[in-house]
C-alpha cells in the first residue's frame, strides 16, 4: 500500500494530445475555456 510507481507511466490527455480533452460526446475539444456559440443567421424575406 502507498507504493505509487509512476516512473514508467506517461500521462496522456485521454488520447487527444496536449491541450485537448474528450468532450461529452467523446470527441476531442480544446481544454481552455468555453468557446462562443455561432448561430446561423435567421433569414427573413424582404
ModelCIF file with pLDDT and N, C-alpha, C, O atoms, coordinates in Angstrom:
data_MODEL
#
_entry.id   MODEL 
#
_entity.id                         1 
_entity.type                       polymer 
_entity.pdbx_number_of_molecules   1 
#
_entity_poly.entity_id                      1 
_entity_poly.type                           'polypeptide(L)' 
_entity_poly.nstd_linkage                   no 
_entity_poly.nstd_monomer                   no 
_entity_poly.pdbx_seq_one_letter_code       
;(UNK)(UNK)(UNK)(UNK)(UNK)(UNK)(UNK)(UNK)(UNK)(UNK)(UNK)(UNK)(UNK)(UNK)(UNK)(UNK)
(UNK)(UNK)(UNK)(UNK)(UNK)(UNK)(UNK)(UNK)(UNK)(UNK)(UNK)(UNK)(UNK)(UNK)(UNK)(UNK)
(UNK)(UNK)(UNK)(UNK)(UNK)(UNK)(UNK)(UNK)(UNK)(UNK)(UNK)(UNK)(UNK)(UNK)
;
_entity_poly.pdbx_seq_one_letter_code_can   XXXXXXXXXXXXXXXXXXXXXXXXXXXXXXXXXXXXXXXXXXXXXX 
_entity_poly.pdbx_strand_id                 A 
#
loop_
_entity_poly_seq.entity_id 
_entity_poly_seq.num 
_entity_poly_seq.mon_id 
_entity_poly_seq.hetero 
1 1  UNK n 
1 2  UNK n 
1 3  UNK n 
1 4  UNK n 
1 5  UNK n 
1 6  UNK n 
1 7  UNK n 
1 8  UNK n 
1 9  UNK n 
1 10 UNK n 
1 11 UNK n 
1 12 UNK n 
1 13 UNK n 
1 14 UNK n 
1 15 UNK n 
1 16 UNK n 
1 17 UNK n 
1 18 UNK n 
1 19 UNK n 
1 20 UNK n 
1 21 UNK n 
1 22 UNK n 
1 23 UNK n 
1 24 UNK n 
1 25 UNK n 
1 26 UNK n 
1 27 UNK n 
1 28 UNK n 
1 29 UNK n 
1 30 UNK n 
1 31 UNK n 
1 32 UNK n 
1 33 UNK n 
1 34 UNK n 
1 35 UNK n 
1 36 UNK n 
1 37 UNK n 
1 38 UNK n 
1 39 UNK n 
1 40 UNK n 
1 41 UNK n 
1 42 UNK n 
1 43 UNK n 
1 44 UNK n 
1 45 UNK n 
1 46 UNK n 
#
_struct_asym.id          A 
_struct_asym.entity_id   1 
#
loop_
_ma_qa_metric.id 
_ma_qa_metric.mode 
_ma_qa_metric.name 
_ma_qa_metric.software_group_id 
_ma_qa_metric.type 
1 global pLDDT . pLDDT 
2 local  pLDDT . pLDDT 
#
_ma_qa_metric_global.metric_id      1 
_ma_qa_metric_global.metric_value   74.72 
_ma_qa_metric_global.model_id       1 
_ma_qa_metric_global.ordinal_id     1 
#
loop_
_ma_qa_metric_local.label_asym_id 
_ma_qa_metric_local.label_comp_id 
_ma_qa_metric_local.label_seq_id 
_ma_qa_metric_local.metric_id 
_ma_qa_metric_local.metric_value 
_ma_qa_metric_local.model_id 
_ma_qa_metric_local.ordinal_id 
A UNK 1  2 58.00 1 1  
A UNK 2  2 59.00 1 2  
A UNK 3  2 54.00 1 3  
A UNK 4  2 62.00 1 4  
A UNK 5  2 59.00 1 5  
A UNK 6  2 61.00 1 6  
A UNK 7  2 63.00 1 7  
A UNK 8  2 67.00 1 8  
A UNK 9  2 68.00 1 9  
A UNK 10 2 66.00 1 10 
A UNK 11 2 63.00 1 11 
A UNK 12 2 60.00 1 12 
A UNK 13 2 54.00 1 13 
A UNK 14 2 65.00 1 14 
A UNK 15 2 77.00 1 15 
A UNK 16 2 83.00 1 16 
A UNK 17 2 78.00 1 17 
A UNK 18 2 76.00 1 18 
A UNK 19 2 78.00 1 19 
A UNK 20 2 82.00 1 20 
A UNK 21 2 82.00 1 21 
A UNK 22 2 84.00 1 22 
A UNK 23 2 84.00 1 23 
A UNK 24 2 86.00 1 24 
A UNK 25 2 87.00 1 25 
A UNK 26 2 85.00 1 26 
A UNK 27 2 88.00 1 27 
A UNK 28 2 87.00 1 28 
A UNK 29 2 83.00 1 29 
A UNK 30 2 83.00 1 30 
A UNK 31 2 81.00 1 31 
A UNK 32 2 77.00 1 32 
A UNK 33 2 69.00 1 33 
A UNK 34 2 67.00 1 34 
A UNK 35 2 66.00 1 35 
A UNK 36 2 70.00 1 36 
A UNK 37 2 75.00 1 37 
A UNK 38 2 77.00 1 38 
A UNK 39 2 81.00 1 39 
A UNK 40 2 83.00 1 40 
A UNK 41 2 84.00 1 41 
A UNK 42 2 85.00 1 42 
A UNK 43 2 85.00 1 43 
A UNK 44 2 85.00 1 44 
A UNK 45 2 85.00 1 45 
A UNK 46 2 85.00 1 46 
#
loop_
_atom_site.group_PDB 
_atom_site.id 
_atom_site.type_symbol 
_atom_site.label_atom_id 
_atom_site.label_alt_id 
_atom_site.label_comp_id 
_atom_site.label_asym_id 
_atom_site.label_entity_id 
_atom_site.label_seq_id 
_atom_site.pdbx_PDB_ins_code 
_atom_site.Cartn_x 
_atom_site.Cartn_y 
_atom_site.Cartn_z 
_atom_site.occupancy 
_atom_site.B_iso_or_equiv 
_atom_site.pdbx_formal_charge 
_atom_site.auth_seq_id 
_atom_site.auth_comp_id 
_atom_site.auth_asym_id 
_atom_site.auth_atom_id 
_atom_site.pdbx_PDB_model_num 
ATOM 1   N N  . UNK A 1 1  ? 0.835   -1.201 0.000   1.00 58.00 ? 1  UNK A N  1 
ATOM 2   C CA . UNK A 1 1  ? 0.000   0.000  0.000   1.00 58.00 ? 1  UNK A CA 1 
ATOM 3   C C  . UNK A 1 1  ? 0.870   1.250  0.000   1.00 58.00 ? 1  UNK A C  1 
ATOM 4   O O  . UNK A 1 1  ? 1.890   1.306  0.686   1.00 58.00 ? 1  UNK A O  1 
ATOM 5   N N  . UNK A 1 2  ? 0.469   2.230  -0.755  1.00 59.00 ? 2  UNK A N  1 
ATOM 6   C CA . UNK A 1 2  ? 1.188   3.502  -0.795  1.00 59.00 ? 2  UNK A CA 1 
ATOM 7   C C  . UNK A 1 2  ? 2.346   3.502  -1.775  1.00 59.00 ? 2  UNK A C  1 
ATOM 8   O O  . UNK A 1 2  ? 3.034   4.515  -1.905  1.00 59.00 ? 2  UNK A O  1 
ATOM 9   N N  . UNK A 1 3  ? 2.576   2.424  -2.453  1.00 54.00 ? 3  UNK A N  1 
ATOM 10  C CA . UNK A 1 3  ? 3.677   2.371  -3.408  1.00 54.00 ? 3  UNK A CA 1 
ATOM 11  C C  . UNK A 1 3  ? 3.145   2.770  -4.777  1.00 54.00 ? 3  UNK A C  1 
ATOM 12  O O  . UNK A 1 3  ? 2.640   1.924  -5.515  1.00 54.00 ? 3  UNK A O  1 
ATOM 13  N N  . UNK A 1 4  ? 3.251   4.025  -5.116  1.00 62.00 ? 4  UNK A N  1 
ATOM 14  C CA . UNK A 1 4  ? 2.772   4.523  -6.410  1.00 62.00 ? 4  UNK A CA 1 
ATOM 15  C C  . UNK A 1 4  ? 3.958   4.595  -7.354  1.00 62.00 ? 4  UNK A C  1 
ATOM 16  O O  . UNK A 1 4  ? 4.742   5.542  -7.301  1.00 62.00 ? 4  UNK A O  1 
ATOM 17  N N  . UNK A 1 5  ? 4.089   3.614  -8.205  1.00 59.00 ? 5  UNK A N  1 
ATOM 18  C CA . UNK A 1 5  ? 5.186   3.571  -9.160  1.00 59.00 ? 5  UNK A CA 1 
ATOM 19  C C  . UNK A 1 5  ? 4.715   4.196  -10.463 1.00 59.00 ? 5  UNK A C  1 
ATOM 20  O O  . UNK A 1 5  ? 4.113   3.522  -11.299 1.00 59.00 ? 5  UNK A O  1 
ATOM 21  N N  . UNK A 1 6  ? 4.989   5.484  -10.634 1.00 61.00 ? 6  UNK A N  1 
ATOM 22  C CA . UNK A 1 6  ? 4.580   6.184  -11.853 1.00 61.00 ? 6  UNK A CA 1 
ATOM 23  C C  . UNK A 1 6  ? 5.773   6.483  -12.742 1.00 61.00 ? 6  UNK A C  1 
ATOM 24  O O  . UNK A 1 6  ? 5.658   7.267  -13.684 1.00 61.00 ? 6  UNK A O  1 
ATOM 25  N N  . UNK A 1 7  ? 6.901   5.880  -12.464 1.00 63.00 ? 7  UNK A N  1 
ATOM 26  C CA . UNK A 1 7  ? 8.091   6.167  -13.259 1.00 63.00 ? 7  UNK A CA 1 
ATOM 27  C C  . UNK A 1 7  ? 7.925   5.670  -14.692 1.00 63.00 ? 7  UNK A C  1 
ATOM 28  O O  . UNK A 1 7  ? 8.448   6.291  -15.618 1.00 63.00 ? 7  UNK A O  1 
ATOM 29  N N  . UNK A 1 8  ? 7.213   4.568  -14.894 1.00 67.00 ? 8  UNK A N  1 
ATOM 30  C CA . UNK A 1 8  ? 7.065   4.021  -16.229 1.00 67.00 ? 8  UNK A CA 1 
ATOM 31  C C  . UNK A 1 8  ? 5.758   4.412  -16.901 1.00 67.00 ? 8  UNK A C  1 
ATOM 32  O O  . UNK A 1 8  ? 5.401   3.840  -17.931 1.00 67.00 ? 8  UNK A O  1 
ATOM 33  N N  . UNK A 1 9  ? 5.039   5.377  -16.336 1.00 68.00 ? 9  UNK A N  1 
ATOM 34  C CA . UNK A 1 9  ? 3.732   5.760  -16.878 1.00 68.00 ? 9  UNK A CA 1 
ATOM 35  C C  . UNK A 1 9  ? 3.823   7.165  -17.452 1.00 68.00 ? 9  UNK A C  1 
ATOM 36  O O  . UNK A 1 9  ? 4.297   8.082  -16.780 1.00 68.00 ? 9  UNK A O  1 
ATOM 37  N N  . UNK A 1 10 ? 3.372   7.340  -18.689 1.00 66.00 ? 10 UNK A N  1 
ATOM 38  C CA . UNK A 1 10 ? 3.328   8.659  -19.320 1.00 66.00 ? 10 UNK A CA 1 
ATOM 39  C C  . UNK A 1 10 ? 1.867   9.082  -19.377 1.00 66.00 ? 10 UNK A C  1 
ATOM 40  O O  . UNK A 1 10 ? 1.036   8.387  -19.962 1.00 66.00 ? 10 UNK A O  1 
ATOM 41  N N  . UNK A 1 11 ? 1.556   10.222 -18.769 1.00 63.00 ? 11 UNK A N  1 
ATOM 42  C CA . UNK A 1 11 ? 0.188   10.717 -18.751 1.00 63.00 ? 11 UNK A CA 1 
ATOM 43  C C  . UNK A 1 11 ? -0.162  11.307 -20.120 1.00 63.00 ? 11 UNK A C  1 
ATOM 44  O O  . UNK A 1 11 ? 0.582   12.133 -20.648 1.00 63.00 ? 11 UNK A O  1 
ATOM 45  N N  . UNK A 1 12 ? -1.285  10.888 -20.689 1.00 60.00 ? 12 UNK A N  1 
ATOM 46  C CA . UNK A 1 12 ? -1.771  11.379 -21.974 1.00 60.00 ? 12 UNK A CA 1 
ATOM 47  C C  . UNK A 1 12 ? -3.172  11.932 -21.750 1.00 60.00 ? 12 UNK A C  1 
ATOM 48  O O  . UNK A 1 12 ? -3.948  11.361 -20.984 1.00 60.00 ? 12 UNK A O  1 
ATOM 49  N N  . UNK A 1 13 ? -3.500  13.030 -22.406 1.00 54.00 ? 13 UNK A N  1 
ATOM 50  C CA . UNK A 1 13 ? -4.805  13.671 -22.222 1.00 54.00 ? 13 UNK A CA 1 
ATOM 51  C C  . UNK A 1 13 ? -5.884  12.885 -22.948 1.00 54.00 ? 13 UNK A C  1 
ATOM 52  O O  . UNK A 1 13 ? -6.412  13.348 -23.960 1.00 54.00 ? 13 UNK A O  1 
ATOM 53  N N  . UNK A 1 14 ? -6.215  11.719 -22.454 1.00 65.00 ? 14 UNK A N  1 
ATOM 54  C CA . UNK A 1 14 ? -7.312  10.880 -22.936 1.00 65.00 ? 14 UNK A CA 1 
ATOM 55  C C  . UNK A 1 14 ? -7.195  10.571 -24.430 1.00 65.00 ? 14 UNK A C  1 
ATOM 56  O O  . UNK A 1 14 ? -8.211  10.371 -25.096 1.00 65.00 ? 14 UNK A O  1 
ATOM 57  N N  . UNK A 1 15 ? -5.993  10.531 -24.955 1.00 77.00 ? 15 UNK A N  1 
ATOM 58  C CA . UNK A 1 15 ? -5.806  10.164 -26.347 1.00 77.00 ? 15 UNK A CA 1 
ATOM 59  C C  . UNK A 1 15 ? -5.974  11.301 -27.327 1.00 77.00 ? 15 UNK A C  1 
ATOM 60  O O  . UNK A 1 15 ? -5.918  11.076 -28.536 1.00 77.00 ? 15 UNK A O  1 
ATOM 61  N N  . UNK A 1 16 ? -6.179  12.518 -26.849 1.00 83.00 ? 16 UNK A N  1 
ATOM 62  C CA . UNK A 1 16 ? -6.403  13.654 -27.741 1.00 83.00 ? 16 UNK A CA 1 
ATOM 63  C C  . UNK A 1 16 ? -5.144  14.493 -27.956 1.00 83.00 ? 16 UNK A C  1 
ATOM 64  O O  . UNK A 1 16 ? -5.089  15.283 -28.899 1.00 83.00 ? 16 UNK A O  1 
ATOM 65  N N  . UNK A 1 17 ? -4.151  14.340 -27.114 1.00 78.00 ? 17 UNK A N  1 
ATOM 66  C CA . UNK A 1 17 ? -2.936  15.128 -27.242 1.00 78.00 ? 17 UNK A CA 1 
ATOM 67  C C  . UNK A 1 17 ? -2.923  16.273 -26.252 1.00 78.00 ? 17 UNK A C  1 
ATOM 68  O O  . UNK A 1 17 ? -3.920  16.516 -25.571 1.00 78.00 ? 17 UNK A O  1 
ATOM 69  N N  . UNK A 1 18 ? -1.802  16.983 -26.164 1.00 76.00 ? 18 UNK A N  1 
ATOM 70  C CA . UNK A 1 18 ? -1.694  18.075 -25.199 1.00 76.00 ? 18 UNK A CA 1 
ATOM 71  C C  . UNK A 1 18 ? -2.608  19.241 -25.564 1.00 76.00 ? 18 UNK A C  1 
ATOM 72  O O  . UNK A 1 18 ? -2.695  19.637 -26.726 1.00 76.00 ? 18 UNK A O  1 
ATOM 73  N N  . UNK A 1 19 ? -3.275  19.774 -24.571 1.00 78.00 ? 19 UNK A N  1 
ATOM 74  C CA . UNK A 1 19 ? -4.173  20.912 -24.779 1.00 78.00 ? 19 UNK A CA 1 
ATOM 75  C C  . UNK A 1 19 ? -5.573  20.525 -25.219 1.00 78.00 ? 19 UNK A C  1 
ATOM 76  O O  . UNK A 1 19 ? -6.403  21.402 -25.458 1.00 78.00 ? 19 UNK A O  1 
ATOM 77  N N  . UNK A 1 20 ? -5.855  19.239 -25.331 1.00 82.00 ? 20 UNK A N  1 
ATOM 78  C CA . UNK A 1 20 ? -7.160  18.759 -25.774 1.00 82.00 ? 20 UNK A CA 1 
ATOM 79  C C  . UNK A 1 20 ? -7.660  17.700 -24.801 1.00 82.00 ? 20 UNK A C  1 
ATOM 80  O O  . UNK A 1 20 ? -6.857  17.040 -24.142 1.00 82.00 ? 20 UNK A O  1 
ATOM 81  N N  . UNK A 1 21 ? -8.964  17.531 -24.702 1.00 82.00 ? 21 UNK A N  1 
ATOM 82  C CA . UNK A 1 21 ? -9.577  16.525 -23.833 1.00 82.00 ? 21 UNK A CA 1 
ATOM 83  C C  . UNK A 1 21 ? -10.851 16.020 -24.496 1.00 82.00 ? 21 UNK A C  1 
ATOM 84  O O  . UNK A 1 21 ? -11.351 16.609 -25.455 1.00 82.00 ? 21 UNK A O  1 
ATOM 85  N N  . UNK A 1 22 ? -11.355 14.928 -23.968 1.00 84.00 ? 22 UNK A N  1 
ATOM 86  C CA . UNK A 1 22 ? -12.597 14.360 -24.501 1.00 84.00 ? 22 UNK A CA 1 
ATOM 87  C C  . UNK A 1 22 ? -13.782 15.183 -24.035 1.00 84.00 ? 22 UNK A C  1 
ATOM 88  O O  . UNK A 1 22 ? -13.862 15.568 -22.868 1.00 84.00 ? 22 UNK A O  1 
ATOM 89  N N  . UNK A 1 23 ? -14.701 15.452 -24.947 1.00 84.00 ? 23 UNK A N  1 
ATOM 90  C CA . UNK A 1 23 ? -15.917 16.184 -24.632 1.00 84.00 ? 23 UNK A CA 1 
ATOM 91  C C  . UNK A 1 23 ? -17.016 15.239 -24.185 1.00 84.00 ? 23 UNK A C  1 
ATOM 92  O O  . UNK A 1 23 ? -16.772 14.043 -24.023 1.00 84.00 ? 23 UNK A O  1 
ATOM 93  N N  . UNK A 1 24 ? -18.236 15.757 -23.980 1.00 86.00 ? 24 UNK A N  1 
ATOM 94  C CA . UNK A 1 24 ? -19.330 14.912 -23.508 1.00 86.00 ? 24 UNK A CA 1 
ATOM 95  C C  . UNK A 1 24 ? -19.744 13.836 -24.507 1.00 86.00 ? 24 UNK A C  1 
ATOM 96  O O  . UNK A 1 24 ? -20.342 12.837 -24.107 1.00 86.00 ? 24 UNK A O  1 
ATOM 97  N N  . UNK A 1 25 ? -19.447 14.008 -25.784 1.00 87.00 ? 25 UNK A N  1 
ATOM 98  C CA . UNK A 1 25 ? -19.822 13.015 -26.788 1.00 87.00 ? 25 UNK A CA 1 
ATOM 99  C C  . UNK A 1 25 ? -18.628 12.218 -27.288 1.00 87.00 ? 25 UNK A C  1 
ATOM 100 O O  . UNK A 1 25 ? -18.734 11.521 -28.297 1.00 87.00 ? 25 UNK A O  1 
ATOM 101 N N  . UNK A 1 26 ? -17.478 12.308 -26.595 1.00 85.00 ? 26 UNK A N  1 
ATOM 102 C CA . UNK A 1 26 ? -16.316 11.514 -26.928 1.00 85.00 ? 26 UNK A CA 1 
ATOM 103 C C  . UNK A 1 26 ? -15.413 12.107 -27.981 1.00 85.00 ? 26 UNK A C  1 
ATOM 104 O O  . UNK A 1 26 ? -14.440 11.464 -28.375 1.00 85.00 ? 26 UNK A O  1 
ATOM 105 N N  . UNK A 1 27 ? -15.690 13.298 -28.450 1.00 88.00 ? 27 UNK A N  1 
ATOM 106 C CA . UNK A 1 27 ? -14.834 13.917 -29.451 1.00 88.00 ? 27 UNK A CA 1 
ATOM 107 C C  . UNK A 1 27 ? -13.806 14.807 -28.759 1.00 88.00 ? 27 UNK A C  1 
ATOM 108 O O  . UNK A 1 27 ? -14.047 15.281 -27.649 1.00 88.00 ? 27 UNK A O  1 
ATOM 109 N N  . UNK A 1 28 ? -12.683 15.033 -29.393 1.00 87.00 ? 28 UNK A N  1 
ATOM 110 C CA . UNK A 1 28 ? -11.631 15.873 -28.824 1.00 87.00 ? 28 UNK A CA 1 
ATOM 111 C C  . UNK A 1 28 ? -12.018 17.348 -28.949 1.00 87.00 ? 28 UNK A C  1 
ATOM 112 O O  . UNK A 1 28 ? -12.515 17.792 -29.984 1.00 87.00 ? 28 UNK A O  1 
ATOM 113 N N  . UNK A 1 29 ? -11.777 18.094 -27.869 1.00 83.00 ? 29 UNK A N  1 
ATOM 114 C CA . UNK A 1 29 ? -12.054 19.530 -27.863 1.00 83.00 ? 29 UNK A CA 1 
ATOM 115 C C  . UNK A 1 29 ? -10.975 20.222 -27.049 1.00 83.00 ? 29 UNK A C  1 
ATOM 116 O O  . UNK A 1 29 ? -10.351 19.576 -26.207 1.00 83.00 ? 29 UNK A O  1 
ATOM 117 N N  . UNK A 1 30 ? -10.730 21.505 -27.263 1.00 83.00 ? 30 UNK A N  1 
ATOM 118 C CA . UNK A 1 30 ? -9.686  22.186 -26.505 1.00 83.00 ? 30 UNK A CA 1 
ATOM 119 C C  . UNK A 1 30 ? -10.057 22.313 -25.028 1.00 83.00 ? 30 UNK A C  1 
ATOM 120 O O  . UNK A 1 30 ? -11.229 22.429 -24.669 1.00 83.00 ? 30 UNK A O  1 
ATOM 121 N N  . UNK A 1 31 ? -9.023  22.289 -24.181 1.00 81.00 ? 31 UNK A N  1 
ATOM 122 C CA . UNK A 1 31 ? -9.260  22.346 -22.740 1.00 81.00 ? 31 UNK A CA 1 
ATOM 123 C C  . UNK A 1 31 ? -9.607  23.766 -22.296 1.00 81.00 ? 31 UNK A C  1 
ATOM 124 O O  . UNK A 1 31 ? -10.402 23.941 -21.372 1.00 81.00 ? 31 UNK A O  1 
ATOM 125 N N  . UNK A 1 32 ? -9.030  24.777 -22.931 1.00 77.00 ? 32 UNK A N  1 
ATOM 126 C CA . UNK A 1 32 ? -9.190  26.141 -22.455 1.00 77.00 ? 32 UNK A CA 1 
ATOM 127 C C  . UNK A 1 32 ? -10.594 26.670 -22.666 1.00 77.00 ? 32 UNK A C  1 
ATOM 128 O O  . UNK A 1 32 ? -11.097 26.659 -23.790 1.00 77.00 ? 32 UNK A O  1 
ATOM 129 N N  . UNK A 1 33 ? -11.225 27.127 -21.617 1.00 69.00 ? 33 UNK A N  1 
ATOM 130 C CA . UNK A 1 33 ? -12.484 27.839 -21.552 1.00 69.00 ? 33 UNK A CA 1 
ATOM 131 C C  . UNK A 1 33 ? -13.564 27.530 -22.581 1.00 69.00 ? 33 UNK A C  1 
ATOM 132 O O  . UNK A 1 33 ? -13.325 26.824 -23.560 1.00 69.00 ? 33 UNK A O  1 
ATOM 133 N N  . UNK A 1 34 ? -14.750 28.070 -22.343 1.00 67.00 ? 34 UNK A N  1 
ATOM 134 C CA . UNK A 1 34 ? -15.854 27.860 -23.288 1.00 67.00 ? 34 UNK A CA 1 
ATOM 135 C C  . UNK A 1 34 ? -15.642 28.683 -24.552 1.00 67.00 ? 34 UNK A C  1 
ATOM 136 O O  . UNK A 1 34 ? -15.104 29.790 -24.505 1.00 67.00 ? 34 UNK A O  1 
ATOM 137 N N  . UNK A 1 35 ? -16.070 28.132 -25.674 1.00 66.00 ? 35 UNK A N  1 
ATOM 138 C CA . UNK A 1 35 ? -15.975 28.837 -26.944 1.00 66.00 ? 35 UNK A CA 1 
ATOM 139 C C  . UNK A 1 35 ? -17.317 29.489 -27.238 1.00 66.00 ? 35 UNK A C  1 
ATOM 140 O O  . UNK A 1 35 ? -18.356 28.990 -26.805 1.00 66.00 ? 35 UNK A O  1 
ATOM 141 N N  . UNK A 1 36 ? -17.306 30.603 -27.974 1.00 70.00 ? 36 UNK A N  1 
ATOM 142 C CA . UNK A 1 36 ? -18.586 31.228 -28.312 1.00 70.00 ? 36 UNK A CA 1 
ATOM 143 C C  . UNK A 1 36 ? -19.384 30.348 -29.265 1.00 70.00 ? 36 UNK A C  1 
ATOM 144 O O  . UNK A 1 36 ? -18.823 29.619 -30.083 1.00 70.00 ? 36 UNK A O  1 
ATOM 145 N N  . UNK A 1 37 ? -20.675 30.429 -29.142 1.00 75.00 ? 37 UNK A N  1 
ATOM 146 C CA . UNK A 1 37 ? -21.563 29.648 -29.996 1.00 75.00 ? 37 UNK A CA 1 
ATOM 147 C C  . UNK A 1 37 ? -21.969 30.518 -31.176 1.00 75.00 ? 37 UNK A C  1 
ATOM 148 O O  . UNK A 1 37 ? -22.565 31.582 -31.005 1.00 75.00 ? 37 UNK A O  1 
ATOM 149 N N  . UNK A 1 38 ? -21.639 30.055 -32.363 1.00 77.00 ? 38 UNK A N  1 
ATOM 150 C CA . UNK A 1 38 ? -22.008 30.789 -33.562 1.00 77.00 ? 38 UNK A CA 1 
ATOM 151 C C  . UNK A 1 38 ? -23.306 30.212 -34.094 1.00 77.00 ? 38 UNK A C  1 
ATOM 152 O O  . UNK A 1 38 ? -23.389 29.026 -34.411 1.00 77.00 ? 38 UNK A O  1 
ATOM 153 N N  . UNK A 1 39 ? -24.310 31.055 -34.189 1.00 81.00 ? 39 UNK A N  1 
ATOM 154 C CA . UNK A 1 39 ? -25.601 30.607 -34.672 1.00 81.00 ? 39 UNK A CA 1 
ATOM 155 C C  . UNK A 1 39 ? -25.801 31.077 -36.104 1.00 81.00 ? 39 UNK A C  1 
ATOM 156 O O  . UNK A 1 39 ? -25.313 32.134 -36.504 1.00 81.00 ? 39 UNK A O  1 
ATOM 157 N N  . UNK A 1 40 ? -26.511 30.289 -36.848 1.00 83.00 ? 40 UNK A N  1 
ATOM 158 C CA . UNK A 1 40 ? -26.803 30.650 -38.232 1.00 83.00 ? 40 UNK A CA 1 
ATOM 159 C C  . UNK A 1 40 ? -27.743 31.857 -38.240 1.00 83.00 ? 40 UNK A C  1 
ATOM 160 O O  . UNK A 1 40 ? -28.668 31.936 -37.433 1.00 83.00 ? 40 UNK A O  1 
ATOM 161 N N  . UNK A 1 41 ? -27.501 32.787 -39.152 1.00 84.00 ? 41 UNK A N  1 
ATOM 162 C CA . UNK A 1 41 ? -28.396 33.948 -39.204 1.00 84.00 ? 41 UNK A CA 1 
ATOM 163 C C  . UNK A 1 41 ? -29.801 33.534 -39.633 1.00 84.00 ? 41 UNK A C  1 
ATOM 164 O O  . UNK A 1 41 ? -29.984 32.612 -40.429 1.00 84.00 ? 41 UNK A O  1 
ATOM 165 N N  . UNK A 1 42 ? -30.761 34.225 -39.097 1.00 85.00 ? 42 UNK A N  1 
ATOM 166 C CA . UNK A 1 42 ? -32.157 33.944 -39.435 1.00 85.00 ? 42 UNK A CA 1 
ATOM 167 C C  . UNK A 1 42 ? -32.489 34.698 -40.718 1.00 85.00 ? 42 UNK A C  1 
ATOM 168 O O  . UNK A 1 42 ? -32.318 35.914 -40.797 1.00 85.00 ? 42 UNK A O  1 
ATOM 169 N N  . UNK A 1 43 ? -32.958 33.973 -41.708 1.00 85.00 ? 43 UNK A N  1 
ATOM 170 C CA . UNK A 1 43 ? -33.297 34.590 -42.985 1.00 85.00 ? 43 UNK A CA 1 
ATOM 171 C C  . UNK A 1 43 ? -34.747 35.030 -42.965 1.00 85.00 ? 43 UNK A C  1 
ATOM 172 O O  . UNK A 1 43 ? -35.654 34.238 -42.710 1.00 85.00 ? 43 UNK A O  1 
ATOM 173 N N  . UNK A 1 44 ? -34.942 36.294 -43.236 1.00 85.00 ? 44 UNK A N  1 
ATOM 174 C CA . UNK A 1 44 ? -36.298 36.828 -43.347 1.00 85.00 ? 44 UNK A CA 1 
ATOM 175 C C  . UNK A 1 44 ? -36.449 37.429 -44.738 1.00 85.00 ? 44 UNK A C  1 
ATOM 176 O O  . UNK A 1 44 ? -35.568 38.128 -45.239 1.00 85.00 ? 44 UNK A O  1 
ATOM 177 N N  . UNK A 1 45 ? -37.573 37.138 -45.332 1.00 85.00 ? 45 UNK A N  1 
ATOM 178 C CA . UNK A 1 45 ? -37.836 37.675 -46.665 1.00 85.00 ? 45 UNK A CA 1 
ATOM 179 C C  . UNK A 1 45 ? -37.992 39.191 -46.578 1.00 85.00 ? 45 UNK A C  1 
ATOM 180 O O  . UNK A 1 45 ? -38.577 39.699 -45.622 1.00 85.00 ? 45 UNK A O  1 
ATOM 181 N N  . UNK A 1 46 ? -37.481 39.907 -47.552 1.00 85.00 ? 46 UNK A N  1 
ATOM 182 C CA . UNK A 1 46 ? -37.619 41.366 -47.506 1.00 85.00 ? 46 UNK A CA 1 
ATOM 183 C C  . UNK A 1 46 ? -39.083 41.785 -47.647 1.00 85.00 ? 46 UNK A C  1 
ATOM 184 O O  . UNK A 1 46 ? -39.389 42.978 -47.631 1.00 85.00 ? 46 UNK A O  1 
#
